[in-house]
Amino acid sequence: MEWTPEIGCAYGVTFTIAAAGATMAVSCQLTDYAGNALKCKNAVHCYYSTDDNGDTVETLGATTVLATDGIILNITDKILELWITEDDGTFGMTLDGDGASAYLNVILPNGKVVTSSVIAFSS
């Protein structure tokens, strides 16, 4: 049974990932149950994985995560984060990687996990 959607509550996420490079920008737009961009501040948990199912947690090793849009609160450094979006439902980051690949997994308030496409760093 799925939760009944609430107005102003994150129900999905759209990822925008920069082309492969040593430093990569990732931006996220939270969406409502109808797929519309949220227009309010929200909070979501995020973690990184090495697989596209979000099953294997990635610590990101030497990778540096810098918030570029919204606020990041590290719960477990480079593993579990709490993101507070901007007032337009967006959050973003710059990842400075070491040649590894990872996926960003967003845990929505309804418990659904949405996984990005691969974030592939080049050396």
C-alpha atoms as a PDB file:
ATOM      1  CA  MET A   1       0.000   0.000   0.000  1.00  0.00           C
ATOM      2  CA  GLU A   2       1.391   3.380  -0.985  1.00  0.00           C
ATOM      3  CA  TRP A   3       0.996   6.553   1.049  1.00  0.00           C
ATOM      4  CA  THR A   4      -1.531   9.125  -0.067  1.00  0.00           C
ATOM      5  CA  PRO A   5       0.368  12.049  -1.615  1.00  0.00           C
ATOM      6  CA  GLU A   6       0.562  15.275   0.362  1.00  0.00           C
ATOM      7  CA  ILE A   7       0.669  18.679  -1.261  1.00  0.00           C
ATOM      8  CA  GLY A   8       4.183  20.103  -1.023  1.00  0.00           C
ATOM      9  CA  CYS A   9       5.736  16.734  -0.186  1.00  0.00           C
ATOM     10  CA  ALA A  10       8.517  15.169  -2.256  1.00  0.00           C
ATOM     11  CA  TYR A  11       7.296  12.194  -4.262  1.00  0.00           C
ATOM     12  CA  GLY A  12      10.021  11.991  -6.929  1.00  0.00           C
ATOM     13  CA  VAL A  13      13.326  13.509  -7.979  1.00  0.00           C
ATOM     14  CA  THR A  14      14.886  14.552 -11.271  1.00  0.00           C
ATOM     15  CA  PHE A  15      18.694  14.353 -11.471  1.00  0.00           C
ATOM     16  CA  THR A  16      20.972  16.430 -13.693  1.00  0.00           C
ATOM     17  CA  ILE A  17      24.523  15.085 -13.815  1.00  0.00           C
ATOM     18  CA  ALA A  18      27.389  16.872 -15.561  1.00  0.00           C
ATOM     19  CA  ALA A  19      29.546  15.121 -18.155  1.00  0.00           C
ATOM     20  CA  ALA A  20      32.360  12.956 -16.772  1.00  0.00           C
ATOM     21  CA  GLY A  21      35.229  14.905 -15.286  1.00  0.00           C
ATOM     22  CA  ALA A  22      37.473  15.008 -12.254  1.00  0.00           C
ATOM     23  CA  THR A  23      34.931  17.367 -10.657  1.00  0.00           C
ATOM     24  CA  MET A  24      31.231  16.849 -11.340  1.00  0.00           C
ATOM     25  CA  ALA A  25      28.123  18.879 -10.634  1.00  0.00           C
ATOM     26  CA  VAL A  26      24.931  17.066  -9.651  1.00  0.00           C
ATOM     27  CA  SER A  27      21.647  18.901  -9.209  1.00  0.00           C
ATOM     28  CA  CYS A  28      18.344  17.494  -8.018  1.00  0.00           C
ATOM     29  CA  GLN A  29      14.794  18.787  -8.385  1.00  0.00           C
ATOM     30  CA  LEU A  30      12.208  17.267  -6.076  1.00  0.00           C
ATOM     31  CA  THR A  31       8.818  16.679  -7.671  1.00  0.00           C
ATOM     32  CA  ASP A  32       5.285  16.156  -6.383  1.00  0.00           C
ATOM     33  CA  TYR A  33       3.033  13.146  -7.047  1.00  0.00           C
ATOM     34  CA  ALA A  34       2.044  14.620 -10.451  1.00  0.00           C
ATOM     35  CA  GLY A  35       5.681  15.109 -11.522  1.00  0.00           C
ATOM     36  CA  ASN A  36       5.638  18.891 -11.071  1.00  0.00           C
ATOM     37  CA  ALA A  37       8.656  20.652  -9.602  1.00  0.00           C
ATOM     38  CA  LEU A  38       8.156  21.381  -5.913  1.00  0.00           C
ATOM     39  CA  LYS A  39       8.028  25.045  -4.994  1.00  0.00           C
ATOM     40  CA  CYS A  40       8.794  24.694  -1.295  1.00  0.00           C
ATOM     41  CA  LYS A  41      11.608  23.716   1.057  1.00  0.00           C
ATOM     42  CA  ASN A  42      11.892  19.979   1.778  1.00  0.00           C
ATOM     43  CA  ALA A  43      14.279  17.594   3.493  1.00  0.00           C
ATOM     44  CA  VAL A  44      15.459  14.252   2.090  1.00  0.00           C
ATOM     45  CA  HIS A  45      18.085  11.721   3.105  1.00  0.00           C
ATOM     46  CA  CYS A  46      20.713  10.697   0.562  1.00  0.00           C
ATOM     47  CA  TYR A  47      23.422   8.057   0.336  1.00  0.00           C
ATOM     48  CA  TYR A  48      25.867   6.878  -2.316  1.00  0.00           C
ATOM     49  CA  SER A  49      26.123   3.393  -3.778  1.00  0.00           C
ATOM     50  CA  THR A  50      28.329   1.473  -6.201  1.00  0.00           C
ATOM     51  CA  ASP A  51      25.369  -0.119  -8.018  1.00  0.00           C
ATOM     52  CA  ASP A  52      22.328   1.238  -9.829  1.00  0.00           C
ATOM     53  CA  ASN A  53      19.929  -0.517  -7.424  1.00  0.00           C
ATOM     54  CA  GLY A  54      21.286   1.364  -4.420  1.00  0.00           C
ATOM     55  CA  ASP A  55      22.126  -1.911  -2.690  1.00  0.00           C
ATOM     56  CA  THR A  56      25.849  -1.458  -2.026  1.00  0.00           C
ATOM     57  CA  VAL A  57      26.770   1.560   0.083  1.00  0.00           C
ATOM     58  CA  GLU A  58      29.718   3.606  -1.188  1.00  0.00           C
ATOM     59  CA  THR A  59      31.741   5.761   1.197  1.00  0.00           C
ATOM     60  CA  LEU A  60      33.089   7.876  -1.703  1.00  0.00           C
ATOM     61  CA  GLY A  61      36.641   7.446  -0.414  1.00  0.00           C
ATOM     62  CA  ALA A  62      38.626  10.607  -1.124  1.00  0.00           C
ATOM     63  CA  THR A  63      35.689  12.334  -2.774  1.00  0.00           C
ATOM     64  CA  THR A  64      34.751  15.762  -1.479  1.00  0.00           C
ATOM     65  CA  VAL A  65      31.055  16.723  -1.470  1.00  0.00           C
ATOM     66  CA  LEU A  66      30.302  20.450  -1.491  1.00  0.00           C
ATOM     67  CA  ALA A  67      26.754  21.822  -1.366  1.00  0.00           C
ATOM     68  CA  THR A  68      26.049  24.288  -4.194  1.00  0.00           C
ATOM     69  CA  ASP A  69      22.280  24.582  -3.747  1.00  0.00           C
ATOM     70  CA  GLY A  70      20.541  23.840  -0.451  1.00  0.00           C
ATOM     71  CA  ILE A  71      22.121  22.717   2.793  1.00  0.00           C
ATOM     72  CA  ILE A  72      23.915  19.430   3.450  1.00  0.00           C
ATOM     73  CA  LEU A  73      24.002  17.913   6.926  1.00  0.00           C
ATOM     74  CA  ASN A  74      26.381  14.978   7.196  1.00  0.00           C
ATOM     75  CA  ILE A  75      24.946  12.258   9.371  1.00  0.00           C
ATOM     76  CA  THR A  76      27.731   9.796   8.582  1.00  0.00           C
ATOM     77  CA  ASP A  77      30.558  11.475   6.675  1.00  0.00           C
ATOM     78  CA  LYS A  78      30.378  10.650   2.956  1.00  0.00           C
ATOM     79  CA  ILE A  79      27.808   7.878   3.543  1.00  0.00           C
ATOM     80  CA  LEU A  80      24.471   9.253   4.787  1.00  0.00           C
ATOM     81  CA  GLU A  81      23.414  12.881   4.345  1.00  0.00           C
ATOM     82  CA  LEU A  82      20.367  14.977   5.100  1.00  0.00           C
ATOM     83  CA  TRP A  83      19.713  17.577   2.416  1.00  0.00           C
ATOM     84  CA  ILE A  84      17.580  20.656   3.016  1.00  0.00           C
ATOM     85  CA  THR A  85      16.452  22.031  -0.346  1.00  0.00           C
ATOM     86  CA  GLU A  86      16.163  25.614  -1.473  1.00  0.00           C
ATOM     87  CA  ASP A  87      12.667  27.167  -1.459  1.00  0.00           C
ATOM     88  CA  ASP A  88      12.190  25.852  -5.014  1.00  0.00           C
ATOM     89  CA  GLY A  89      12.687  22.183  -4.052  1.00  0.00           C
ATOM     90  CA  THR A  90      16.226  21.944  -5.468  1.00  0.00           C
ATOM     91  CA  PHE A  91      19.519  20.843  -4.014  1.00  0.00           C
ATOM     92  CA  GLY A  92      22.878  20.417  -5.660  1.00  0.00           C
ATOM     93  CA  MET A  93      26.461  19.475  -5.084  1.00  0.00           C
ATOM     94  CA  THR A  94      29.890  19.428  -6.590  1.00  0.00           C
ATOM     95  CA  LEU A  95      31.701  16.129  -6.211  1.00  0.00           C
ATOM     96  CA  ASP A  96      35.474  16.093  -6.507  1.00  0.00           C
ATOM     97  CA  GLY A  97      36.227  12.447  -7.245  1.00  0.00           C
ATOM     98  CA  ASP A  98      39.234  10.189  -7.558  1.00  0.00           C
ATOM     99  CA  GLY A  99      38.352   8.351 -10.782  1.00  0.00           C
ATOM    100  CA  ALA A 100      35.699   6.117  -9.175  1.00  0.00           C
ATOM    101  CA  SER A 101      32.018   5.865 -10.087  1.00  0.00           C
ATOM    102  CA  ALA A 102      29.024   6.158  -7.803  1.00  0.00           C
ATOM    103  CA  TYR A 103      25.249   6.588  -7.741  1.00  0.00           C
ATOM    104  CA  LEU A 104      23.294   9.075  -5.642  1.00  0.00           C
ATOM    105  CA  ASN A 105      20.281   7.576  -3.862  1.00  0.00           C
ATOM    106  CA  VAL A 106      17.551   9.856  -2.523  1.00  0.00           C
ATOM    107  CA  ILE A 107      15.270   8.507   0.212  1.00  0.00           C
ATOM    108  CA  LEU A 108      11.953  10.304  -0.143  1.00  0.00           C
ATOM    109  CA  PRO A 109       9.611  10.980   2.809  1.00  0.00           C
ATOM    110  CA  ASN A 110       7.307   8.148   1.675  1.00  0.00           C
ATOM    111  CA  GLY A 111      10.202   5.667   1.941  1.00  0.00           C
ATOM    112  CA  LYS A 112      10.752   5.356  -1.813  1.00  0.00           C
ATOM    113  CA  VAL A 113      14.413   5.307  -2.915  1.00  0.00           C
ATOM    114  CA  VAL A 114      15.248   6.975  -6.235  1.00  0.00           C
ATOM    115  CA  THR A 115      18.698   6.272  -7.742  1.00  0.00           C
ATOM    116  CA  SER A 116      20.538   8.549 -10.159  1.00  0.00           C
ATOM    117  CA  SER A 117      22.306   7.425 -13.290  1.00  0.00           C
ATOM    118  CA  VAL A 118      26.013   6.763 -12.841  1.00  0.00           C
ATOM    119  CA  ILE A 119      28.269   9.566 -11.673  1.00  0.00           C
ATOM    120  CA  ALA A 120      31.424   8.557 -13.554  1.00  0.00           C
ATOM    121  CA  PHE A 121      34.540  10.511 -12.651  1.00  0.00           C
ATOM    122  CA  SER A 122      37.447  10.716 -15.024  1.00  0.00           C
ATOM    123  CA  SER A 123      40.970  10.798 -13.635  1.00  0.00           C
END
